[in-house]
Amino acid sequence: MGIVAGLDSSSESTRIVVCDADTGAVIRRGYAPHPVEKGPEVDPQAWLISLGEAAGQGLLEGVQAIGVSAQPHGLLPLDVEGNLVRPALVGNDKRAQSAAADLIDALGGRTAWAQAVGAVPQATHAVTKLRWLARTEPAHAARIAEVMQPHDWLAWQLLGRPARRTTDRGGASATGFWSAATESYRPDLVELALGHQVRLPELLSPSGTAGFTPEGLLISAGTGETMAAAFGLGVGEGDAVVSLGASGSVFGIHHEALVDPSGTITSFADATGRYLPVVHTSNAVRVLRGAAEMLGTDLAGVSELAMNSSPGAYGMVLLPYLEGERTPHLPHTAGSLHGLRRDSMKPEHLARAAVEGMLCGLADALDVLRGRGMAVRRVFLLGAAAELFAVQAVAPALFGVPVVVPQPAEYAALGAARQAAWAWGVAHGTLTPAGGAESGPGGGSAWIDPPQWPAAASQVFEPGEELAVGQAVRQQYAAVRDEAYPGAFQREA
């Protein structure tokens, strides 16, 4: 079929992979850093400069289609002429936390928002950023005529800023004013946040085409970074992904949107026509880093110490709620250490309690998805901490299923490239329905499956004989958690 490219514009850099459209084999790679973001605002022209540097020296020669993924939860406010009203708002803009609380109250509470769009406003959401602008920068807010997200804006720039503005359902589901359950915008929520209506991008199908560049390159629908990474990994129904950053997230691929009245689950759409329910935790690797500082070592040292202890950390339990917690909803709490005895006060037991506490917190989040009917047959573990031996040894027994640790790769860029191959194949008739079968979400003979690229190279760790031991560790953790915060987790599950 030809050659396609996927670019991922993250908060730190632009990465580009050029792939064989049929096999997914990577032919060339490009990389360029972004300027260091000194706050939650950025001039998006920096993204274009980085993109140009990453694509230099003929990287895109012979490419027929490009997919774009970008950092999620950004907001680019534009005026009637399509020019930026102010710098883009990106990331977890903590200035907007009070605006999130304001919006929650304005619609009638967390349940009202969960039912409306499958998400409770957080500082990250575009709808919350609009509320913040209306309250703190009313002159700028009054000029906003349309809004885009980073991947929408980048695709639009590549296309030469045409009259048509597009997005995909994955990106739209991260705004807080599009519902994955109804597959539709809620413009009334935009007006609730901003005070007036704005132009919203046209929704494209997962294999849709945003347009063609002046040079004839097809630009696919694009998507958010999380959705692109899931597509690049090749995860499907029955798979869950646990991402170990400073904070944590657990998401899966599901055949329907999960409506969660408590708002613990954020009901995103994925890049394939299915759904991507997410549960966030406020604490993940920061727990291990904190333990490392206490013990005068690093993450590898914590891992080594933890393996010198035994399951259950000699009765020591660390509740990992260091920065408050989202799952369970305990925003103002703190972490705590339980079960201290004179003979348990050793570095290896504290290290083991930190590893088990972090993973038990993520297992709680995984149980929220299970409690809403999502089958979990295996867990993909992402992030640098997934390479730690103690994490690999402990996680399968605590999660209760095989744990897959993929080799490091540019999965978001690969997902964007796979989407480009999909759109190109559909647009040019080289991909067709397999016998007219209703093989994809939405059914019908018009549905065309994406190209089948190889799954990510990975290691698999089985729970094996440690499963019973792992469940005993979880029971010990749950007993301490429920005594400290009675009913908190039951409200989530």
Protein backbone atom coordinates (compact mmCIF):
# COMPACT_ATOMS: atom_id res chain seq x y z
CA MET A 1 0.00 0.00 0.00
CA GLY A 2 2.83 2.41 0.62
CA ILE A 3 4.43 4.47 3.35
CA VAL A 4 2.73 6.34 6.17
CA ALA A 5 3.89 8.48 9.08
CA GLY A 6 2.70 9.09 12.59
CA LEU A 7 3.72 12.08 14.64
CA ASP A 8 3.26 12.52 18.36
CA SER A 9 3.52 16.02 19.77
CA SER A 10 3.82 15.44 23.51
CA SER A 11 4.45 18.03 26.20
CA GLU A 12 8.20 17.44 25.82
CA SER A 13 8.95 16.65 22.18
CA THR A 14 7.82 15.70 18.71
CA ARG A 15 8.45 12.11 17.66
CA ILE A 16 7.82 10.87 14.13
CA VAL A 17 7.83 7.31 12.85
CA VAL A 18 7.68 6.44 9.16
CA CYS A 19 6.22 2.98 8.62
CA ASP A 20 5.37 0.45 5.95
CA ALA A 21 1.61 0.74 5.73
CA ASP A 22 1.03 -2.99 5.32
CA THR A 23 3.33 -4.42 7.97
CA GLY A 24 3.85 -1.56 10.42
CA ALA A 25 7.63 -1.95 10.16
CA VAL A 26 9.40 1.27 11.14
CA ILE A 27 11.50 2.63 8.27
CA ARG A 28 12.72 5.94 9.71
CA ARG A 29 12.41 7.96 12.91
CA GLY A 30 12.57 11.65 13.72
CA TYR A 31 12.82 13.53 16.99
CA ALA A 32 13.01 17.12 18.19
CA PRO A 33 12.52 18.55 21.69
CA HIS A 34 10.03 21.21 22.61
CA PRO A 35 11.08 24.27 24.58
CA VAL A 36 10.78 23.64 28.30
CA GLU A 37 7.27 24.59 29.39
CA LYS A 38 7.54 27.05 32.27
CA GLY A 39 3.89 26.80 33.20
CA PRO A 40 0.51 25.69 31.91
CA GLU A 41 0.67 27.99 28.87
CA VAL A 42 2.59 27.61 25.62
CA ASP A 43 2.88 29.26 22.23
CA PRO A 44 1.81 26.43 19.88
CA GLN A 45 4.10 27.79 17.17
CA ALA A 46 6.81 25.98 19.15
CA TRP A 47 5.09 22.71 18.28
CA LEU A 48 5.28 23.54 14.57
CA ILE A 49 8.96 24.46 14.83
CA SER A 50 9.66 21.17 16.61
CA LEU A 51 7.65 19.28 13.99
CA GLY A 52 9.70 20.86 11.21
CA GLU A 53 12.95 19.93 12.94
CA ALA A 54 11.81 16.35 13.56
CA ALA A 55 10.77 15.98 9.91
CA GLY A 56 14.01 17.42 8.56
CA GLN A 57 16.50 15.82 6.17
CA GLY A 58 13.83 14.25 3.99
CA LEU A 59 12.25 12.15 6.72
CA LEU A 60 8.80 12.30 5.08
CA GLU A 61 10.00 11.52 1.56
CA GLY A 62 7.62 9.06 -0.09
CA VAL A 63 5.03 9.33 2.70
CA GLN A 64 1.42 9.17 1.49
CA ALA A 65 -0.53 9.75 4.69
CA ILE A 66 0.13 11.24 8.12
CA GLY A 67 -1.62 10.72 11.45
CA VAL A 68 -1.27 13.19 14.29
CA SER A 69 -1.45 12.52 18.01
CA ALA A 70 -0.76 15.14 20.65
CA GLN A 71 -0.82 15.81 24.34
CA PRO A 72 -4.35 15.55 25.71
CA HIS A 73 -6.37 18.14 27.59
CA GLY A 74 -5.07 21.18 25.76
CA LEU A 75 -7.17 24.15 24.76
CA LEU A 76 -6.45 26.50 21.87
CA PRO A 77 -8.94 29.42 21.96
CA LEU A 78 -9.37 31.04 18.55
CA ASP A 79 -11.12 34.19 17.34
CA VAL A 80 -13.47 34.48 14.37
CA GLU A 81 -10.52 34.55 11.96
CA GLY A 82 -8.93 31.43 13.41
CA ASN A 83 -6.15 33.26 15.21
CA LEU A 84 -5.15 32.52 18.78
CA VAL A 85 -6.81 34.73 21.34
CA ARG A 86 -4.08 33.92 23.85
CA PRO A 87 -1.42 31.20 24.36
CA ALA A 88 -2.67 27.63 24.50
CA LEU A 89 -3.58 26.18 27.88
CA VAL A 90 -2.11 22.72 28.39
CA GLY A 91 -1.64 20.04 31.00
CA ASN A 92 -2.96 19.98 34.52
CA ASP A 93 -3.50 23.69 35.01
CA LYS A 94 -3.99 23.79 38.75
CA ARG A 95 -5.21 27.37 38.50
CA ALA A 96 -8.45 25.90 37.15
CA GLN A 97 -9.23 23.73 40.19
CA SER A 98 -11.68 26.24 41.62
CA ALA A 99 -13.27 26.59 38.18
CA ALA A 100 -13.83 22.81 38.15
CA ALA A 101 -15.61 22.96 41.52
CA ASP A 102 -17.64 25.90 40.24
CA LEU A 103 -18.76 23.96 37.16
CA ILE A 104 -19.65 20.87 39.18
CA ASP A 105 -21.98 22.95 41.35
CA ALA A 106 -23.41 24.83 38.37
CA LEU A 107 -24.76 21.65 36.77
CA GLY A 108 -25.95 20.08 40.01
CA GLY A 109 -23.08 17.89 41.20
CA ARG A 110 -20.76 15.07 40.18
CA THR A 111 -23.56 12.68 39.22
CA ALA A 112 -25.11 15.23 36.87
CA TRP A 113 -21.82 15.63 35.02
CA ALA A 114 -21.13 11.90 34.91
CA GLN A 115 -24.54 11.32 33.33
CA ALA A 116 -24.14 14.25 30.91
CA VAL A 117 -20.71 13.55 29.44
CA GLY A 118 -19.24 10.59 31.33
CA ALA A 119 -16.75 12.75 33.22
CA VAL A 120 -16.66 15.04 36.22
CA PRO A 121 -14.79 18.29 35.47
CA GLN A 122 -11.16 18.36 36.51
CA ALA A 123 -8.63 21.14 36.05
CA THR A 124 -7.41 19.28 32.94
CA HIS A 125 -10.65 19.44 30.95
CA ALA A 126 -11.15 21.98 28.19
CA VAL A 127 -14.57 22.88 29.58
CA THR A 128 -12.94 23.80 32.88
CA LYS A 129 -10.31 25.91 31.16
CA LEU A 130 -13.11 27.80 29.41
CA ARG A 131 -14.73 28.49 32.78
CA TRP A 132 -11.40 29.73 34.15
CA LEU A 133 -10.95 32.07 31.18
CA ALA A 134 -14.47 33.44 31.59
CA ARG A 135 -13.78 34.21 35.24
CA THR A 136 -10.20 35.48 35.09
CA GLU A 137 -9.75 36.82 31.53
CA PRO A 138 -13.21 38.04 30.48
CA ALA A 139 -11.85 40.19 27.63
CA HIS A 140 -10.09 37.17 26.10
CA ALA A 141 -13.08 34.93 26.77
CA ALA A 142 -15.42 37.30 24.94
CA ARG A 143 -13.29 36.98 21.76
CA ILE A 144 -13.30 33.19 21.67
CA ALA A 145 -15.23 32.02 18.61
CA GLU A 146 -13.97 28.45 18.34
CA VAL A 147 -11.81 25.99 20.26
CA MET A 148 -9.42 23.26 19.25
CA GLN A 149 -7.24 20.69 20.94
CA PRO A 150 -3.52 20.31 20.14
CA HIS A 151 -3.90 17.43 17.66
CA ASP A 152 -6.78 19.21 15.89
CA TRP A 153 -4.77 22.41 15.56
CA LEU A 154 -1.64 20.66 14.29
CA ALA A 155 -3.60 18.75 11.63
CA TRP A 156 -5.32 21.99 10.62
CA GLN A 157 -1.95 23.72 10.23
CA LEU A 158 -0.58 20.85 8.12
CA LEU A 159 -3.63 21.17 5.87
CA GLY A 160 -3.05 24.89 5.35
CA ARG A 161 -5.78 26.14 7.72
CA PRO A 162 -8.81 25.14 5.59
CA ALA A 163 -12.37 26.24 6.32
CA ARG A 164 -13.16 22.75 7.59
CA ARG A 165 -12.13 22.01 11.18
CA THR A 166 -12.15 18.42 12.39
CA THR A 167 -11.45 16.24 15.38
CA ASP A 168 -11.92 12.62 16.36
CA ARG A 169 -14.18 11.09 18.98
CA GLY A 170 -11.24 10.15 21.22
CA GLY A 171 -10.02 13.71 21.44
CA ALA A 172 -13.55 15.08 21.76
CA SER A 173 -14.26 12.79 24.71
CA ALA A 174 -11.46 14.49 26.69
CA THR A 175 -13.01 17.96 26.47
CA GLY A 176 -15.80 17.65 29.02
CA PHE A 177 -18.41 18.81 26.50
CA TRP A 178 -18.75 15.67 24.34
CA SER A 179 -20.44 12.49 25.51
CA ALA A 180 -19.07 9.09 24.57
CA ALA A 181 -22.38 7.52 25.57
CA THR A 182 -24.45 9.60 23.12
CA GLU A 183 -21.62 10.32 20.62
CA SER A 184 -22.57 13.98 20.57
CA TYR A 185 -21.47 17.44 21.70
CA ARG A 186 -23.12 19.24 24.58
CA PRO A 187 -22.91 22.88 23.42
CA ASP A 188 -25.01 23.91 26.40
CA LEU A 189 -22.07 22.95 28.63
CA VAL A 190 -19.76 25.15 26.58
CA GLU A 191 -22.16 28.01 27.14
CA LEU A 192 -22.40 27.16 30.84
CA ALA A 193 -18.61 27.42 31.08
CA LEU A 194 -17.85 30.32 28.77
CA GLY A 195 -21.08 32.29 28.64
CA HIS A 196 -21.62 31.95 24.88
CA GLN A 197 -21.51 29.37 22.09
CA VAL A 198 -18.43 28.64 20.00
CA ARG A 199 -17.67 26.73 16.83
CA LEU A 200 -16.74 23.12 17.54
CA PRO A 201 -14.78 20.83 15.18
CA GLU A 202 -16.56 18.31 12.98
CA LEU A 203 -16.40 14.76 14.32
CA LEU A 204 -14.68 12.27 12.02
CA SER A 205 -15.00 8.49 12.07
CA PRO A 206 -11.98 6.53 13.34
CA SER A 207 -10.85 5.83 9.76
CA GLY A 208 -11.87 9.26 8.48
CA THR A 209 -9.80 11.77 6.54
CA ALA A 210 -9.33 15.35 7.73
CA GLY A 211 -8.14 16.43 4.29
CA PHE A 212 -5.15 16.60 1.97
CA THR A 213 -2.15 18.88 2.19
CA PRO A 214 -1.22 21.07 -0.79
CA GLU A 215 1.35 18.38 -1.62
CA GLY A 216 -1.33 15.67 -1.68
CA LEU A 217 -0.60 13.98 1.64
CA LEU A 218 -3.65 12.54 3.36
CA ILE A 219 -4.11 13.68 6.97
CA SER A 220 -6.14 11.25 9.05
CA ALA A 221 -8.52 12.12 11.88
CA GLY A 222 -5.78 12.25 14.53
CA THR A 223 -6.41 11.61 18.20
CA GLY A 224 -5.21 12.22 21.73
CA GLU A 225 -1.95 10.74 22.95
CA THR A 226 -3.54 8.14 25.23
CA MET A 227 -5.84 6.87 22.50
CA ALA A 228 -2.99 6.75 19.98
CA ALA A 229 -0.74 4.84 22.39
CA ALA A 230 -3.47 2.25 22.99
CA PHE A 231 -3.85 1.81 19.23
CA GLY A 232 -0.09 1.57 18.77
CA LEU A 233 0.20 -1.05 21.52
CA GLY A 234 -2.52 -3.12 19.87
CA VAL A 235 -4.62 -3.49 23.01
CA GLY A 236 -8.19 -4.72 22.63
CA GLU A 237 -11.18 -5.80 24.65
CA GLY A 238 -10.08 -7.74 27.71
CA ASP A 239 -6.88 -5.71 28.02
CA ALA A 240 -6.24 -3.11 30.68
CA VAL A 241 -3.34 -0.66 30.70
CA VAL A 242 -1.77 0.55 33.93
CA SER A 243 0.38 3.62 33.42
CA LEU A 244 2.97 4.38 36.07
CA GLY A 245 3.75 8.06 36.13
CA ALA A 246 4.08 10.24 39.22
CA SER A 247 0.34 9.71 39.33
CA GLY A 248 -1.32 6.64 37.85
CA SER A 249 -4.04 5.70 35.42
CA VAL A 250 -5.82 2.49 34.58
CA PHE A 251 -7.77 2.16 31.35
CA GLY A 252 -9.23 -0.56 29.21
CA ILE A 253 -10.93 -1.09 25.87
CA HIS A 254 -14.64 -1.76 26.17
CA HIS A 255 -17.51 -2.30 23.75
CA GLU A 256 -19.72 0.32 25.39
CA ALA A 257 -19.36 3.57 27.29
CA LEU A 258 -19.37 3.01 31.04
CA VAL A 259 -21.73 5.43 32.75
CA ASP A 260 -20.48 5.82 36.31
CA PRO A 261 -22.69 8.02 38.51
CA SER A 262 -19.88 8.57 41.01
CA GLY A 263 -17.64 10.06 38.34
CA THR A 264 -14.72 7.83 39.31
CA ILE A 265 -14.60 6.45 35.77
CA THR A 266 -13.95 8.93 32.99
CA SER A 267 -15.67 7.56 29.91
CA PHE A 268 -13.38 8.33 26.98
CA ALA A 269 -13.75 7.07 23.43
CA ASP A 270 -10.79 5.28 21.85
CA ALA A 271 -9.32 5.58 18.36
CA THR A 272 -11.03 2.48 16.95
CA GLY A 273 -14.75 3.09 17.45
CA ARG A 274 -14.83 1.50 20.88
CA TYR A 275 -14.55 3.07 24.33
CA LEU A 276 -11.71 3.73 26.71
CA PRO A 277 -12.87 4.00 30.34
CA VAL A 278 -10.18 5.46 32.60
CA VAL A 279 -9.71 5.51 36.36
CA HIS A 280 -7.05 7.84 37.74
CA THR A 281 -5.03 7.68 40.91
CA SER A 282 -3.18 10.67 42.30
CA ASN A 283 -0.25 8.58 43.45
CA ALA A 284 1.95 6.04 41.70
CA VAL A 285 5.70 6.39 41.20
CA ARG A 286 5.83 9.37 43.57
CA VAL A 287 5.27 6.74 46.30
CA LEU A 288 8.44 4.90 45.27
CA ARG A 289 10.41 8.13 44.88
CA GLY A 290 9.36 9.23 48.36
CA ALA A 291 10.43 5.91 49.79
CA ALA A 292 13.74 6.17 47.93
CA GLU A 293 14.44 9.57 49.49
CA MET A 294 13.62 8.25 52.96
CA LEU A 295 15.94 5.31 52.46
CA GLY A 296 18.74 7.26 50.82
CA THR A 297 18.62 5.35 47.54
CA ASP A 298 16.99 5.45 44.10
CA LEU A 299 14.17 3.52 42.42
CA ALA A 300 16.44 0.60 41.58
CA GLY A 301 17.57 0.56 45.19
CA VAL A 302 13.97 0.46 46.43
CA SER A 303 13.31 -2.46 44.10
CA GLU A 304 16.35 -4.37 45.36
CA LEU A 305 15.46 -3.73 49.01
CA ALA A 306 11.84 -4.78 48.44
CA MET A 307 12.94 -8.14 47.11
CA ASN A 308 14.84 -8.74 50.35
CA SER A 309 11.55 -8.53 52.24
CA SER A 310 8.62 -10.94 51.94
CA PRO A 311 5.02 -10.59 50.71
CA GLY A 312 3.05 -8.48 53.15
CA ALA A 313 6.15 -6.48 54.18
CA TYR A 314 6.25 -8.14 57.61
CA GLY A 315 2.79 -6.75 58.38
CA MET A 316 3.58 -3.20 57.28
CA VAL A 317 0.98 -1.46 55.06
CA LEU A 318 1.50 1.86 53.34
CA LEU A 319 -1.66 3.69 52.21
CA PRO A 320 -0.24 5.64 49.27
CA TYR A 321 -2.45 8.73 49.40
CA LEU A 322 0.48 11.18 49.53
CA GLU A 323 -1.13 13.93 47.42
CA GLY A 324 -4.71 13.23 48.39
CA GLU A 325 -6.41 10.61 46.23
CA ARG A 326 -8.88 10.38 43.36
CA THR A 327 -9.63 6.64 43.72
CA PRO A 328 -11.07 6.50 46.31
CA HIS A 329 -12.22 10.13 46.37
CA LEU A 330 -10.17 11.49 49.27
CA PRO A 331 -8.83 14.81 47.96
CA HIS A 332 -7.68 16.18 51.32
CA THR A 333 -6.15 13.11 52.94
CA ALA A 334 -2.50 12.08 53.32
CA GLY A 335 -0.54 8.86 53.13
CA SER A 336 -0.03 6.73 56.21
CA LEU A 337 2.08 3.80 57.38
CA HIS A 338 0.47 1.05 59.46
CA GLY A 339 1.66 -2.08 61.25
CA LEU A 340 4.95 -0.74 62.58
CA ARG A 341 6.64 -3.09 65.04
CA ARG A 342 10.14 -3.01 66.30
CA ASP A 343 11.16 -6.03 64.22
CA SER A 344 9.49 -4.66 61.07
CA MET A 345 11.32 -1.31 61.19
CA LYS A 346 13.85 -2.21 58.52
CA PRO A 347 14.60 -0.61 55.14
CA GLU A 348 13.60 -3.69 53.14
CA HIS A 349 10.14 -3.86 54.75
CA LEU A 350 9.48 -0.16 54.13
CA ALA A 351 10.56 -0.60 50.50
CA ARG A 352 8.27 -3.61 50.11
CA ALA A 353 5.36 -1.73 51.70
CA ALA A 354 5.90 1.13 49.23
CA VAL A 355 5.84 -1.20 46.20
CA GLU A 356 2.82 -3.11 47.48
CA GLY A 357 0.99 0.07 48.53
CA MET A 358 1.45 1.68 45.11
CA LEU A 359 0.30 -1.46 43.28
CA CYS A 360 -2.63 -2.11 45.66
CA GLY A 361 -3.84 1.44 45.00
CA LEU A 362 -3.74 0.73 41.27
CA ALA A 363 -5.41 -2.64 41.80
CA ASP A 364 -8.24 -0.77 43.55
CA ALA A 365 -8.60 1.35 40.42
CA LEU A 366 -8.62 -1.79 38.27
CA ASP A 367 -11.40 -3.20 40.43
CA VAL A 368 -13.53 -0.14 39.71
CA LEU A 369 -13.51 -1.09 36.02
CA ARG A 370 -14.18 -4.73 36.83
CA GLY A 371 -17.07 -3.67 39.04
CA ARG A 372 -18.67 -1.96 36.04
CA GLY A 373 -18.55 -5.10 33.93
CA MET A 374 -15.22 -4.76 32.14
CA ALA A 375 -13.45 -8.10 31.77
CA VAL A 376 -9.72 -7.97 32.45
CA ARG A 377 -7.72 -10.89 31.07
CA ARG A 378 -4.29 -9.25 31.11
CA VAL A 379 -2.69 -5.97 32.16
CA PHE A 380 -0.17 -3.93 30.17
CA LEU A 381 2.22 -2.11 32.49
CA LEU A 382 3.75 1.12 31.15
CA GLY A 383 6.28 3.62 32.45
CA ALA A 384 9.89 3.49 33.58
CA ALA A 385 8.91 1.89 36.90
CA ALA A 386 7.48 -1.07 34.97
CA GLU A 387 11.10 -2.11 34.36
CA LEU A 388 11.78 -2.51 38.10
CA PHE A 389 12.20 -6.16 39.09
CA ALA A 390 10.12 -5.76 42.27
CA VAL A 391 7.21 -4.27 40.31
CA GLN A 392 7.34 -7.09 37.76
CA ALA A 393 7.50 -9.68 40.54
CA VAL A 394 4.66 -8.28 42.66
CA ALA A 395 2.18 -6.87 40.11
CA PRO A 396 0.86 -10.15 38.57
CA ALA A 397 -0.20 -11.58 41.94
CA LEU A 398 -1.83 -8.33 43.07
CA PHE A 399 -3.63 -7.72 39.77
CA GLY A 400 -4.61 -11.38 39.51
CA VAL A 401 -3.84 -11.71 35.79
CA PRO A 402 -0.77 -11.92 33.53
CA VAL A 403 1.17 -8.66 33.29
CA VAL A 404 2.64 -7.57 29.96
CA VAL A 405 5.59 -5.16 29.97
CA PRO A 406 6.10 -3.85 26.42
CA GLN A 407 9.53 -2.85 25.23
CA PRO A 408 9.97 0.93 25.17
CA ALA A 409 8.82 2.37 21.84
CA GLU A 410 7.05 5.39 20.36
CA TYR A 411 3.59 3.86 20.81
CA ALA A 412 1.61 7.08 20.39
CA ALA A 413 3.42 7.87 17.13
CA LEU A 414 2.94 4.26 15.99
CA GLY A 415 -0.77 4.51 16.75
CA ALA A 416 -0.98 7.70 14.71
CA ALA A 417 0.82 5.99 11.82
CA ARG A 418 -1.52 3.00 11.99
CA GLN A 419 -4.47 5.37 11.88
CA ALA A 420 -2.96 7.03 8.79
CA ALA A 421 -2.64 3.64 7.09
CA TRP A 422 -6.27 2.91 7.99
CA ALA A 423 -7.55 6.18 6.55
CA TRP A 424 -5.44 5.80 3.40
CA GLY A 425 -6.64 2.25 2.84
CA VAL A 426 -10.29 3.23 3.27
CA ALA A 427 -9.99 6.33 1.08
CA HIS A 428 -8.28 4.42 -1.75
CA GLY A 429 -10.17 1.14 -1.49
CA THR A 430 -7.18 -1.00 -0.54
CA LEU A 431 -8.84 -1.99 2.74
CA THR A 432 -12.25 -3.59 2.41
CA PRO A 433 -14.72 -5.32 4.73
CA ALA A 434 -13.83 -8.96 5.32
CA GLY A 435 -16.69 -10.66 3.50
CA GLY A 436 -19.04 -7.85 4.46
CA ALA A 437 -19.00 -9.07 8.05
CA GLU A 438 -20.16 -6.86 10.86
CA SER A 439 -16.66 -6.99 12.26
CA GLY A 440 -16.28 -3.65 13.96
CA PRO A 441 -18.00 -1.31 16.39
CA GLY A 442 -21.26 -0.08 15.02
CA GLY A 443 -21.58 -3.14 12.79
CA GLY A 444 -22.70 -3.05 9.20
CA SER A 445 -20.88 -4.06 6.05
CA ALA A 446 -19.52 -0.50 5.67
CA TRP A 447 -17.21 -0.98 8.66
CA ILE A 448 -13.62 -1.65 7.64
CA ASP A 449 -11.16 -2.97 10.21
CA PRO A 450 -7.80 -1.23 10.67
CA PRO A 451 -4.67 -2.81 9.19
CA GLN A 452 -3.35 -5.64 11.35
CA TRP A 453 0.09 -4.63 12.58
CA PRO A 454 2.19 -6.85 14.86
CA ALA A 455 1.61 -6.56 18.60
CA ALA A 456 4.19 -4.76 20.68
CA ALA A 457 7.27 -6.78 21.61
CA SER A 458 7.02 -7.48 25.31
CA GLN A 459 7.72 -9.65 28.34
CA VAL A 460 4.88 -11.49 30.05
CA PHE A 461 4.83 -12.18 33.79
CA GLU A 462 2.34 -14.74 35.10
CA PRO A 463 0.85 -14.72 38.61
CA GLY A 464 1.53 -18.45 38.97
CA GLU A 465 1.72 -19.91 42.45
CA GLU A 466 1.99 -16.42 43.96
CA LEU A 467 -1.66 -15.63 43.19
CA ALA A 468 -2.96 -16.75 46.58
CA VAL A 469 -0.19 -14.86 48.34
CA GLY A 470 -1.00 -11.74 46.34
CA GLN A 471 -4.64 -11.90 47.27
CA ALA A 472 -3.67 -12.21 50.94
CA VAL A 473 -1.57 -9.05 50.59
CA ARG A 474 -4.54 -7.25 49.05
CA GLN A 475 -6.79 -8.38 51.89
CA GLN A 476 -4.29 -7.06 54.42
CA TYR A 477 -4.16 -3.74 52.52
CA ALA A 478 -7.97 -3.54 52.22
CA ALA A 479 -8.46 -4.17 55.94
CA VAL A 480 -6.18 -1.24 56.81
CA ARG A 481 -7.70 0.99 54.11
CA ASP A 482 -11.28 0.32 55.19
CA GLU A 483 -10.48 0.86 58.86
CA ALA A 484 -8.78 4.18 58.09
CA TYR A 485 -11.43 5.36 55.61
CA PRO A 486 -14.66 3.41 56.24
CA GLY A 487 -16.82 3.10 53.12
CA ALA A 488 -14.53 5.22 50.91
CA PHE A 489 -13.67 2.49 48.43
CA GLN A 490 -17.08 0.85 48.50
CA ARG A 491 -18.48 4.08 47.09
CA GLU A 492 -16.18 3.74 44.11
CA ALA A 493 -16.56 0.05 43.26
